[in-house]
Amino acid sequence: MVTETLTSSTSKTVATKTAQINNQPFAIVPGETILSFVRRYKGKDAVPTLSTASPAKHHV
């Protein structure tokens, strides 16, 4: 779930978007991918990718 919060100050209104990981809100950086978002908050190894996964065994 992504939510948007508007914060008003004396000169401008700033929109902050957040997403939740395990029901905890975290700020989203504009243009950020889901993978980089999760890695930023949960660490580099939080989401395995094909390049980081152990080699698959080929069955013939």
PDB file of N, CA and C in Angstrom:
ATOM      1  N   MET A   1       0.841  -1.174   0.000  1.00  0.00           N
ATOM      2  CA  MET A   1       0.000   0.000   0.000  1.00  0.00           C
ATOM      3  C   MET A   1       0.885   1.235   0.000  1.00  0.00           C
ATOM      4  N   VAL A   2       0.604   2.145  -0.879  1.00  0.00           N
ATOM      5  CA  VAL A   2       1.321   3.415  -0.944  1.00  0.00           C
ATOM      6  C   VAL A   2       0.364   4.513  -0.513  1.00  0.00           C
ATOM      7  N   THR A   3       0.821   5.352   0.409  1.00  0.00           N
ATOM      8  CA  THR A   3       0.003   6.467   0.861  1.00  0.00           C
ATOM      9  C   THR A   3       0.742   7.764   0.599  1.00  0.00           C
ATOM     10  N   GLU A   4      -0.001   8.833   0.493  1.00  0.00           N
ATOM     11  CA  GLU A   4       0.588  10.147   0.262  1.00  0.00           C
ATOM     12  C   GLU A   4       0.128  11.077   1.369  1.00  0.00           C
ATOM     13  N   THR A   5       1.084  11.743   2.004  1.00  0.00           N
ATOM     14  CA  THR A   5       0.794  12.668   3.081  1.00  0.00           C
ATOM     15  C   THR A   5       1.188  14.068   2.645  1.00  0.00           C
ATOM     16  N   LEU A   6       0.287  15.018   2.795  1.00  0.00           N
ATOM     17  CA  LEU A   6       0.584  16.407   2.463  1.00  0.00           C
ATOM     18  C   LEU A   6       0.936  17.154   3.736  1.00  0.00           C
ATOM     19  N   THR A   7       2.085  17.794   3.714  1.00  0.00           N
ATOM     20  CA  THR A   7       2.542  18.576   4.853  1.00  0.00           C
ATOM     21  C   THR A   7       2.611  20.031   4.427  1.00  0.00           C
ATOM     22  N   SER A   8       1.950  20.892   5.167  1.00  0.00           N
ATOM     23  CA  SER A   8       1.896  22.304   4.808  1.00  0.00           C
ATOM     24  C   SER A   8       2.814  23.098   5.726  1.00  0.00           C
ATOM     25  N   SER A   9       3.651  23.923   5.123  1.00  0.00           N
ATOM     26  CA  SER A   9       4.471  24.843   5.911  1.00  0.00           C
ATOM     27  C   SER A   9       4.081  26.266   5.505  1.00  0.00           C
ATOM     28  N   THR A  10       4.820  27.246   5.960  1.00  0.00           N
ATOM     29  CA  THR A  10       4.444  28.625   5.667  1.00  0.00           C
ATOM     30  C   THR A  10       4.588  28.970   4.195  1.00  0.00           C
ATOM     31  N   SER A  11       5.484  28.282   3.465  1.00  0.00           N
ATOM     32  CA  SER A  11       5.709  28.678   2.076  1.00  0.00           C
ATOM     33  C   SER A  11       5.244  27.660   1.039  1.00  0.00           C
ATOM     34  N   LYS A  12       5.164  26.384   1.390  1.00  0.00           N
ATOM     35  CA  LYS A  12       4.786  25.403   0.377  1.00  0.00           C
ATOM     36  C   LYS A  12       4.212  24.139   0.998  1.00  0.00           C
ATOM     37  N   THR A  13       3.567  23.343   0.156  1.00  0.00           N
ATOM     38  CA  THR A  13       3.031  22.045   0.559  1.00  0.00           C
ATOM     39  C   THR A  13       3.918  20.962  -0.038  1.00  0.00           C
ATOM     40  N   VAL A  14       4.324  20.014   0.794  1.00  0.00           N
ATOM     41  CA  VAL A  14       5.212  18.943   0.354  1.00  0.00           C
ATOM     42  C   VAL A  14       4.472  17.614   0.464  1.00  0.00           C
ATOM     43  N   ALA A  15       4.489  16.840  -0.617  1.00  0.00           N
ATOM     44  CA  ALA A  15       3.860  15.518  -0.619  1.00  0.00           C
ATOM     45  C   ALA A  15       4.927  14.469  -0.305  1.00  0.00           C
ATOM     46  N   THR A  16       4.639  13.621   0.656  1.00  0.00           N
ATOM     47  CA  THR A  16       5.539  12.533   1.006  1.00  0.00           C
ATOM     48  C   THR A  16       4.806  11.226   0.771  1.00  0.00           C
ATOM     49  N   LYS A  17       5.373  10.371  -0.067  1.00  0.00           N
ATOM     50  CA  LYS A  17       4.763   9.069  -0.310  1.00  0.00           C
ATOM     51  C   LYS A  17       5.463   8.035   0.552  1.00  0.00           C
ATOM     52  N   THR A  18       4.670   7.122   1.097  1.00  0.00           N
ATOM     53  CA  THR A  18       5.220   6.053   1.919  1.00  0.00           C
ATOM     54  C   THR A  18       4.668   4.713   1.456  1.00  0.00           C
ATOM     55  N   ALA A  19       5.431   3.667   1.703  1.00  0.00           N
ATOM     56  CA  ALA A  19       4.992   2.301   1.462  1.00  0.00           C
ATOM     57  C   ALA A  19       5.254   1.526   2.745  1.00  0.00           C
ATOM     58  N   GLN A  20       4.560   0.416   2.916  1.00  0.00           N
ATOM     59  CA  GLN A  20       4.694  -0.347   4.148  1.00  0.00           C
ATOM     60  C   GLN A  20       5.424  -1.665   3.920  1.00  0.00           C
ATOM     61  N   ILE A  21       6.301  -1.975   4.855  1.00  0.00           N
ATOM     62  CA  ILE A  21       6.949  -3.281   4.923  1.00  0.00           C
ATOM     63  C   ILE A  21       6.603  -3.815   6.306  1.00  0.00           C
ATOM     64  N   ASN A  22       5.927  -4.951   6.358  1.00  0.00           N
ATOM     65  CA  ASN A  22       5.490  -5.537   7.637  1.00  0.00           C
ATOM     66  C   ASN A  22       4.721  -4.526   8.483  1.00  0.00           C
ATOM     67  N   ASN A  23       3.810  -3.808   7.844  1.00  0.00           N
ATOM     68  CA  ASN A  23       2.936  -2.832   8.505  1.00  0.00           C
ATOM     69  C   ASN A  23       3.667  -1.641   9.101  1.00  0.00           C
ATOM     70  N   GLN A  24       4.887  -1.369   8.654  1.00  0.00           N
ATOM     71  CA  GLN A  24       5.622  -0.186   9.096  1.00  0.00           C
ATOM     72  C   GLN A  24       5.813   0.730   7.892  1.00  0.00           C
ATOM     73  N   PRO A  25       5.476   2.023   8.023  1.00  0.00           N
ATOM     74  CA  PRO A  25       5.623   2.940   6.889  1.00  0.00           C
ATOM     75  C   PRO A  25       7.071   3.381   6.691  1.00  0.00           C
ATOM     76  N   PHE A  26       7.483   3.480   5.420  1.00  0.00           N
ATOM     77  CA  PHE A  26       8.806   3.953   5.046  1.00  0.00           C
ATOM     78  C   PHE A  26       8.645   4.918   3.883  1.00  0.00           C
ATOM     79  N   ALA A  27       9.459   5.973   3.853  1.00  0.00           N
ATOM     80  CA  ALA A  27       9.382   6.977   2.789  1.00  0.00           C
ATOM     81  C   ALA A  27       9.897   6.409   1.481  1.00  0.00           C
ATOM     82  N   ILE A  28       9.244   6.802   0.383  1.00  0.00           N
ATOM     83  CA  ILE A  28       9.640   6.401  -0.957  1.00  0.00           C
ATOM     84  C   ILE A  28      10.393   7.554  -1.601  1.00  0.00           C
ATOM     85  N   VAL A  29      11.515   7.244  -2.232  1.00  0.00           N
ATOM     86  CA  VAL A  29      12.272   8.238  -2.984  1.00  0.00           C
ATOM     87  C   VAL A  29      11.712   8.260  -4.404  1.00  0.00           C
ATOM     88  N   PRO A  30      11.380   9.428  -4.945  1.00  0.00           N
ATOM     89  CA  PRO A  30      10.833   9.494  -6.308  1.00  0.00           C
ATOM     90  C   PRO A  30      11.754   8.796  -7.320  1.00  0.00           C
ATOM     91  N   GLY A  31      11.164   7.958  -8.177  1.00  0.00           N
ATOM     92  CA  GLY A  31      11.914   7.242  -9.193  1.00  0.00           C
ATOM     93  C   GLY A  31      12.555   5.952  -8.718  1.00  0.00           C
ATOM     94  N   GLU A  32      12.407   5.640  -7.454  1.00  0.00           N
ATOM     95  CA  GLU A  32      13.018   4.449  -6.864  1.00  0.00           C
ATOM     96  C   GLU A  32      12.272   3.182  -7.280  1.00  0.00           C
ATOM     97  N   THR A  33      13.010   2.093  -7.511  1.00  0.00           N
ATOM     98  CA  THR A  33      12.376   0.821  -7.841  1.00  0.00           C
ATOM     99  C   THR A  33      11.967   0.109  -6.551  1.00  0.00           C
ATOM    100  N   ILE A  34      11.096  -0.869  -6.683  1.00  0.00           N
ATOM    101  CA  ILE A  34      10.684  -1.658  -5.519  1.00  0.00           C
ATOM    102  C   ILE A  34      11.891  -2.364  -4.921  1.00  0.00           C
ATOM    103  N   LEU A  35      12.754  -2.901  -5.785  1.00  0.00           N
ATOM    104  CA  LEU A  35      13.942  -3.605  -5.310  1.00  0.00           C
ATOM    105  C   LEU A  35      14.856  -2.674  -4.517  1.00  0.00           C
ATOM    106  N   SER A  36      15.140  -1.503  -5.027  1.00  0.00           N
ATOM    107  CA  SER A  36      16.024  -0.581  -4.299  1.00  0.00           C
ATOM    108  C   SER A  36      15.368  -0.071  -3.018  1.00  0.00           C
ATOM    109  N   PHE A  37      14.053   0.110  -3.035  1.00  0.00           N
ATOM    110  CA  PHE A  37      13.318   0.524  -1.829  1.00  0.00           C
ATOM    111  C   PHE A  37      13.478  -0.501  -0.710  1.00  0.00           C
ATOM    112  N   VAL A  38      13.228  -1.769  -1.014  1.00  0.00           N
ATOM    113  CA  VAL A  38      13.327  -2.822   0.008  1.00  0.00           C
ATOM    114  C   VAL A  38      14.768  -2.980   0.473  1.00  0.00           C
ATOM    115  N   ARG A  39      15.712  -2.952  -0.460  1.00  0.00           N
ATOM    116  CA  ARG A  39      17.128  -3.095  -0.080  1.00  0.00           C
ATOM    117  C   ARG A  39      17.598  -1.938   0.795  1.00  0.00           C
ATOM    118  N   ARG A  40      17.090  -0.741   0.556  1.00  0.00           N
ATOM    119  CA  ARG A  40      17.500   0.423   1.350  1.00  0.00           C
ATOM    120  C   ARG A  40      17.093   0.259   2.815  1.00  0.00           C
ATOM    121  N   TYR A  41      15.917  -0.294   3.047  1.00  0.00           N
ATOM    122  CA  TYR A  41      15.433  -0.430   4.411  1.00  0.00           C
ATOM    123  C   TYR A  41      15.739  -1.780   5.055  1.00  0.00           C
ATOM    124  N   LYS A  42      15.816  -2.829   4.253  1.00  0.00           N
ATOM    125  CA  LYS A  42      15.974  -4.173   4.821  1.00  0.00           C
ATOM    126  C   LYS A  42      17.313  -4.824   4.516  1.00  0.00           C
ATOM    127  N   GLY A  43      18.157  -4.163   3.747  1.00  0.00           N
ATOM    128  CA  GLY A  43      19.484  -4.688   3.465  1.00  0.00           C
ATOM    129  C   GLY A  43      19.617  -5.290   2.080  1.00  0.00           C
ATOM    130  N   LYS A  44      20.858  -5.390   1.641  1.00  0.00           N
ATOM    131  CA  LYS A  44      21.173  -5.839   0.288  1.00  0.00           C
ATOM    132  C   LYS A  44      20.675  -7.249  -0.002  1.00  0.00           C
ATOM    133  N   ASP A  45      20.693  -8.122   0.992  1.00  0.00           N
ATOM    134  CA  ASP A  45      20.323  -9.519   0.787  1.00  0.00           C
ATOM    135  C   ASP A  45      18.854  -9.820   1.108  1.00  0.00           C
ATOM    136  N   ALA A  46      18.044  -8.789   1.294  1.00  0.00           N
ATOM    137  CA  ALA A  46      16.645  -9.006   1.672  1.00  0.00           C
ATOM    138  C   ALA A  46      15.830  -9.651   0.557  1.00  0.00           C
ATOM    139  N   VAL A  47      16.165  -9.339  -0.696  1.00  0.00           N
ATOM    140  CA  VAL A  47      15.437  -9.890  -1.834  1.00  0.00           C
ATOM    141  C   VAL A  47      16.454 -10.567  -2.753  1.00  0.00           C
ATOM    142  N   PRO A  48      16.411 -11.883  -2.861  1.00  0.00           N
ATOM    143  CA  PRO A  48      17.354 -12.558  -3.751  1.00  0.00           C
ATOM    144  C   PRO A  48      16.998 -12.283  -5.217  1.00  0.00           C
ATOM    145  N   THR A  49      18.010 -12.150  -6.031  1.00  0.00           N
ATOM    146  CA  THR A  49      17.814 -11.975  -7.467  1.00  0.00           C
ATOM    147  C   THR A  49      18.572 -13.078  -8.184  1.00  0.00           C
ATOM    148  N   LEU A  50      18.344 -13.228  -9.472  1.00  0.00           N
ATOM    149  CA  LEU A  50      19.029 -14.278 -10.226  1.00  0.00           C
ATOM    150  C   LEU A  50      20.537 -14.122 -10.165  1.00  0.00           C
ATOM    151  N   SER A  51      21.028 -12.909 -10.145  1.00  0.00           N
ATOM    152  CA  SER A  51      22.477 -12.706 -10.122  1.00  0.00           C
ATOM    153  C   SER A  51      23.080 -13.033  -8.761  1.00  0.00           C
ATOM    154  N   THR A  52      22.266 -13.015  -7.686  1.00  0.00           N
ATOM    155  CA  THR A  52      22.806 -13.306  -6.357  1.00  0.00           C
ATOM    156  C   THR A  52      22.414 -14.688  -5.849  1.00  0.00           C
ATOM    157  N   ALA A  53      21.482 -15.344  -6.533  1.00  0.00           N
ATOM    158  CA  ALA A  53      21.037 -16.666  -6.095  1.00  0.00           C
ATOM    159  C   ALA A  53      22.099 -17.707  -6.442  1.00  0.00           C
ATOM    160  N   SER A  54      22.099 -18.776  -5.672  1.00  0.00           N
ATOM    161  CA  SER A  54      23.049 -19.847  -5.961  1.00  0.00           C
ATOM    162  C   SER A  54      22.712 -20.479  -7.310  1.00  0.00           C
ATOM    163  N   PRO A  55      23.731 -20.982  -8.017  1.00  0.00           N
ATOM    164  CA  PRO A  55      23.472 -21.555  -9.341  1.00  0.00           C
ATOM    165  C   PRO A  55      22.455 -22.708  -9.282  1.00  0.00           C
ATOM    166  N   ALA A  56      21.586 -22.713 -10.239  1.00  0.00           N
ATOM    167  CA  ALA A  56      20.573 -23.776 -10.313  1.00  0.00           C
ATOM    168  C   ALA A  56      21.191 -25.014 -10.938  1.00  0.00           C
ATOM    169  N   LYS A  57      20.740 -26.144 -10.479  1.00  0.00           N
ATOM    170  CA  LYS A  57      21.198 -27.410 -11.070  1.00  0.00           C
ATOM    171  C   LYS A  57      20.383 -27.673 -12.319  1.00  0.00           C
ATOM    172  N   HIS A  58      21.066 -28.056 -13.377  1.00  0.00           N
ATOM    173  CA  HIS A  58      20.397 -28.356 -14.632  1.00  0.00           C
ATOM    174  C   HIS A  58      20.125 -29.846 -14.700  1.00  0.00           C
ATOM    175  N   HIS A  59      18.912 -30.190 -14.923  1.00  0.00           N
ATOM    176  CA  HIS A  59      18.527 -31.605 -15.036  1.00  0.00           C
ATOM    177  C   HIS A  59      18.241 -31.901 -16.496  1.00  0.00           C
ATOM    178  N   VAL A  60      18.877 -32.917 -16.990  1.00  0.00           N
ATOM    179  CA  VAL A  60      18.686 -33.285 -18.402  1.00  0.00           C
ATOM    180  C   VAL A  60      18.019 -34.637 -18.468  1.00  0.00           C
TER     181      VAL A  60
END
